[in-house]
Amino acid sequence: MEFASEGDIIVVWRLDRLGRSLLGLVNMVTRLVEKKVEFRSLTESIDTTSSTGKLCFHMIAAMAEFERNLISERTKAGLSAARLRGKRLGRPRALSEQQIQMALNDLAQNRKDIRTICKEYNVSERTFKRYVDLGC
């Protein structure tokens, strides 16, 4: 954006690749117009040099923001539903409950130190300490 100058054309595949909100898109295109830089969206065939093109831009930008919001809402609803079903989200655990208990027993009985345990289970000391601190 900062390198664009008069006579340049900024081309995007889809309008939603340019900005995340209607206001952001409108502000960006307004700045381009002020710099006399043309804007084209290949998928939506938008040309902001005419009044009709500007109207189409605003309508499509509003629809793109609406679509992004719907996707976000669906994703959040899906994650909530998965949590309610007891599904654990995120990365798989690095250590099982059994491994944690065995490691804690080794530590308590001074058979192994943290560094040795972490090498044995192929985890970082920070990961192991996080499991111990959280009581996982």
C-alpha atoms as a PDB file:
ATOM      1  CA  MET A   1       0.000   0.000   0.000  1.00  0.00           C
ATOM      2  CA  GLU A   2       2.753   2.443   0.935  1.00  0.00           C
ATOM      3  CA  PHE A   3       4.628   1.715  -2.306  1.00  0.00           C
ATOM      4  CA  ALA A   4       1.612   2.273  -4.570  1.00  0.00           C
ATOM      5  CA  SER A   5       1.765   5.448  -6.605  1.00  0.00           C
ATOM      6  CA  GLU A   6      -0.339   7.254  -9.178  1.00  0.00           C
ATOM      7  CA  GLY A   7      -1.161   5.051 -12.157  1.00  0.00           C
ATOM      8  CA  ASP A   8      -0.534   1.770 -10.319  1.00  0.00           C
ATOM      9  CA  ILE A   9      -3.164  -0.951 -10.069  1.00  0.00           C
ATOM     10  CA  ILE A  10      -3.569  -3.077  -6.954  1.00  0.00           C
ATOM     11  CA  VAL A  11      -5.004  -6.483  -7.829  1.00  0.00           C
ATOM     12  CA  VAL A  12      -6.401  -9.018  -5.367  1.00  0.00           C
ATOM     13  CA  TRP A  13      -7.912 -12.438  -5.963  1.00  0.00           C
ATOM     14  CA  ARG A  14     -10.919 -11.785  -3.731  1.00  0.00           C
ATOM     15  CA  LEU A  15     -12.105  -8.708  -1.919  1.00  0.00           C
ATOM     16  CA  ASP A  16     -11.913 -10.352   1.502  1.00  0.00           C
ATOM     17  CA  ARG A  17      -8.158 -10.838   0.980  1.00  0.00           C
ATOM     18  CA  LEU A  18      -7.685  -7.057   1.098  1.00  0.00           C
ATOM     19  CA  GLY A  19      -9.306  -6.341   4.457  1.00  0.00           C
ATOM     20  CA  ARG A  20     -11.197  -7.864   7.357  1.00  0.00           C
ATOM     21  CA  SER A  21     -14.019  -5.373   7.834  1.00  0.00           C
ATOM     22  CA  LEU A  22     -16.233  -3.213   5.674  1.00  0.00           C
ATOM     23  CA  LEU A  23     -14.828  -0.059   7.251  1.00  0.00           C
ATOM     24  CA  GLY A  24     -11.262  -1.253   6.677  1.00  0.00           C
ATOM     25  CA  LEU A  25     -11.957  -2.062   3.018  1.00  0.00           C
ATOM     26  CA  VAL A  26     -13.698   1.258   2.406  1.00  0.00           C
ATOM     27  CA  ASN A  27     -10.864   3.197   4.068  1.00  0.00           C
ATOM     28  CA  MET A  28      -8.251   1.327   2.073  1.00  0.00           C
ATOM     29  CA  VAL A  29      -9.984   1.875  -1.264  1.00  0.00           C
ATOM     30  CA  THR A  30     -10.570   5.537  -0.357  1.00  0.00           C
ATOM     31  CA  ARG A  31      -6.848   5.964   0.277  1.00  0.00           C
ATOM     32  CA  LEU A  32      -6.112   4.285  -3.059  1.00  0.00           C
ATOM     33  CA  VAL A  33      -8.490   6.641  -4.864  1.00  0.00           C
ATOM     34  CA  GLU A  34      -6.831   9.646  -3.188  1.00  0.00           C
ATOM     35  CA  LYS A  35      -3.443   8.400  -4.426  1.00  0.00           C
ATOM     36  CA  LYS A  36      -4.973   7.860  -7.901  1.00  0.00           C
ATOM     37  CA  VAL A  37      -4.251   4.141  -7.657  1.00  0.00           C
ATOM     38  CA  GLU A  38      -6.725   1.782  -9.291  1.00  0.00           C
ATOM     39  CA  PHE A  39      -8.094  -1.252  -7.533  1.00  0.00           C
ATOM     40  CA  ARG A  40      -9.221  -4.492  -9.102  1.00  0.00           C
ATOM     41  CA  SER A  41     -10.642  -7.655  -7.600  1.00  0.00           C
ATOM     42  CA  LEU A  42     -10.389 -10.576  -9.999  1.00  0.00           C
ATOM     43  CA  THR A  43     -13.160 -12.739  -8.544  1.00  0.00           C
ATOM     44  CA  GLU A  44     -15.755  -9.980  -8.133  1.00  0.00           C
ATOM     45  CA  SER A  45     -14.729  -8.018 -11.263  1.00  0.00           C
ATOM     46  CA  ILE A  46     -14.702  -4.729  -9.358  1.00  0.00           C
ATOM     47  CA  ASP A  47     -13.466  -1.529 -10.971  1.00  0.00           C
ATOM     48  CA  THR A  48     -13.586   1.422  -8.560  1.00  0.00           C
ATOM     49  CA  THR A  49     -13.111   4.094 -11.221  1.00  0.00           C
ATOM     50  CA  SER A  50     -16.864   4.388 -11.908  1.00  0.00           C
ATOM     51  CA  SER A  51     -19.867   5.146  -9.693  1.00  0.00           C
ATOM     52  CA  THR A  52     -21.361   1.746 -10.482  1.00  0.00           C
ATOM     53  CA  GLY A  53     -18.077   0.072  -9.614  1.00  0.00           C
ATOM     54  CA  LYS A  54     -17.942   1.910  -6.299  1.00  0.00           C
ATOM     55  CA  LEU A  55     -21.516   0.836  -5.499  1.00  0.00           C
ATOM     56  CA  CYS A  56     -20.690  -2.770  -6.351  1.00  0.00           C
ATOM     57  CA  PHE A  57     -17.558  -2.527  -4.225  1.00  0.00           C
ATOM     58  CA  HIS A  58     -19.532  -1.392  -1.167  1.00  0.00           C
ATOM     59  CA  MET A  59     -22.200  -4.059  -1.616  1.00  0.00           C
ATOM     60  CA  ILE A  60     -19.703  -6.872  -2.102  1.00  0.00           C
ATOM     61  CA  ALA A  61     -17.538  -5.618   0.771  1.00  0.00           C
ATOM     62  CA  ALA A  62     -20.570  -5.711   3.071  1.00  0.00           C
ATOM     63  CA  MET A  63     -21.399  -9.250   1.936  1.00  0.00           C
ATOM     64  CA  ALA A  64     -17.774 -10.365   2.396  1.00  0.00           C
ATOM     65  CA  GLU A  65     -17.781  -9.053   5.972  1.00  0.00           C
ATOM     66  CA  PHE A  66     -21.125 -10.769   6.613  1.00  0.00           C
ATOM     67  CA  GLU A  67     -19.736 -14.063   5.282  1.00  0.00           C
ATOM     68  CA  ARG A  68     -16.609 -13.799   7.482  1.00  0.00           C
ATOM     69  CA  ASN A  69     -18.792 -13.134  10.528  1.00  0.00           C
ATOM     70  CA  LEU A  70     -20.976 -16.156   9.741  1.00  0.00           C
ATOM     71  CA  ILE A  71     -17.929 -18.399   9.402  1.00  0.00           C
ATOM     72  CA  SER A  72     -16.597 -17.114  12.714  1.00  0.00           C
ATOM     73  CA  GLU A  73     -19.927 -17.716  14.465  1.00  0.00           C
ATOM     74  CA  ARG A  74     -20.206 -21.240  13.041  1.00  0.00           C
ATOM     75  CA  THR A  75     -16.660 -22.065  14.066  1.00  0.00           C
ATOM     76  CA  LYS A  76     -17.240 -20.844  17.623  1.00  0.00           C
ATOM     77  CA  ALA A  77     -20.525 -22.756  17.828  1.00  0.00           C
ATOM     78  CA  GLY A  78     -18.846 -25.918  16.543  1.00  0.00           C
ATOM     79  CA  LEU A  79     -16.029 -25.610  19.094  1.00  0.00           C
ATOM     80  CA  SER A  80     -18.522 -25.059  21.911  1.00  0.00           C
ATOM     81  CA  ALA A  81     -20.565 -28.090  20.835  1.00  0.00           C
ATOM     82  CA  ALA A  82     -17.419 -30.224  20.698  1.00  0.00           C
ATOM     83  CA  ARG A  83     -16.435 -29.111  24.213  1.00  0.00           C
ATOM     84  CA  LEU A  84     -19.923 -29.971  25.499  1.00  0.00           C
ATOM     85  CA  ARG A  85     -19.552 -33.470  24.011  1.00  0.00           C
ATOM     86  CA  GLY A  86     -16.340 -33.807  25.996  1.00  0.00           C
ATOM     87  CA  LYS A  87     -14.023 -33.505  23.019  1.00  0.00           C
ATOM     88  CA  ARG A  88     -10.562 -32.278  23.922  1.00  0.00           C
ATOM     89  CA  LEU A  89      -9.460 -29.545  21.533  1.00  0.00           C
ATOM     90  CA  GLY A  90      -5.944 -28.516  20.613  1.00  0.00           C
ATOM     91  CA  ARG A  91      -2.715 -30.400  20.329  1.00  0.00           C
ATOM     92  CA  PRO A  92      -2.463 -33.956  21.580  1.00  0.00           C
ATOM     93  CA  ARG A  93      -0.908 -34.304  25.029  1.00  0.00           C
ATOM     94  CA  ALA A  94       2.820 -34.890  25.078  1.00  0.00           C
ATOM     95  CA  LEU A  95       2.544 -37.191  28.101  1.00  0.00           C
ATOM     96  CA  SER A  96      -0.120 -39.625  29.202  1.00  0.00           C
ATOM     97  CA  GLU A  97      -1.463 -39.693  32.753  1.00  0.00           C
ATOM     98  CA  GLN A  98       0.509 -42.874  33.363  1.00  0.00           C
ATOM     99  CA  GLN A  99       3.760 -41.298  32.142  1.00  0.00           C
ATOM    100  CA  ILE A 100       3.219 -38.263  34.364  1.00  0.00           C
ATOM    101  CA  GLN A 101       2.611 -40.457  37.427  1.00  0.00           C
ATOM    102  CA  MET A 102       5.672 -42.594  36.708  1.00  0.00           C
ATOM    103  CA  ALA A 103       7.807 -39.477  36.253  1.00  0.00           C
ATOM    104  CA  LEU A 104       6.498 -37.938  39.472  1.00  0.00           C
ATOM    105  CA  ASN A 105       7.225 -41.170  41.341  1.00  0.00           C
ATOM    106  CA  ASP A 106      10.775 -41.201  39.958  1.00  0.00           C
ATOM    107  CA  LEU A 107      11.229 -37.598  41.075  1.00  0.00           C
ATOM    108  CA  ALA A 108       9.749 -38.196  44.533  1.00  0.00           C
ATOM    109  CA  GLN A 109      12.013 -41.188  45.136  1.00  0.00           C
ATOM    110  CA  ASN A 110      15.077 -39.359  43.743  1.00  0.00           C
ATOM    111  CA  ARG A 111      15.620 -42.043  41.099  1.00  0.00           C
ATOM    112  CA  LYS A 112      15.781 -39.499  38.266  1.00  0.00           C
ATOM    113  CA  ASP A 113      16.066 -35.756  37.907  1.00  0.00           C
ATOM    114  CA  ILE A 114      13.827 -33.596  35.698  1.00  0.00           C
ATOM    115  CA  ARG A 115      16.369 -33.372  32.875  1.00  0.00           C
ATOM    116  CA  THR A 116      16.684 -37.164  32.655  1.00  0.00           C
ATOM    117  CA  ILE A 117      12.917 -37.647  32.745  1.00  0.00           C
ATOM    118  CA  CYS A 118      12.399 -35.069  30.004  1.00  0.00           C
ATOM    119  CA  LYS A 119      15.001 -36.735  27.784  1.00  0.00           C
ATOM    120  CA  GLU A 120      13.406 -40.120  28.422  1.00  0.00           C
ATOM    121  CA  TYR A 121       9.930 -38.895  27.410  1.00  0.00           C
ATOM    122  CA  ASN A 122      11.214 -36.542  24.715  1.00  0.00           C
ATOM    123  CA  VAL A 123       9.584 -33.409  26.142  1.00  0.00           C
ATOM    124  CA  SER A 124      10.998 -30.069  27.178  1.00  0.00           C
ATOM    125  CA  GLU A 125      11.465 -29.236  30.825  1.00  0.00           C
ATOM    126  CA  ARG A 126       8.930 -26.447  30.436  1.00  0.00           C
ATOM    127  CA  THR A 127       6.298 -28.870  29.109  1.00  0.00           C
ATOM    128  CA  PHE A 128       6.929 -31.276  31.970  1.00  0.00           C
ATOM    129  CA  LYS A 129       6.779 -28.509  34.574  1.00  0.00           C
ATOM    130  CA  ARG A 130       3.529 -27.243  33.058  1.00  0.00           C
ATOM    131  CA  TYR A 131       1.976 -30.697  33.483  1.00  0.00           C
ATOM    132  CA  VAL A 132       3.152 -30.841  37.095  1.00  0.00           C
ATOM    133  CA  ASP A 133       2.008 -27.260  37.887  1.00  0.00           C
ATOM    134  CA  LEU A 134      -1.432 -27.807  36.344  1.00  0.00           C
ATOM    135  CA  GLY A 135      -1.850 -31.166  38.000  1.00  0.00           C
ATOM    136  CA  CYS A 136      -2.448 -32.869  34.648  1.00  0.00           C
END
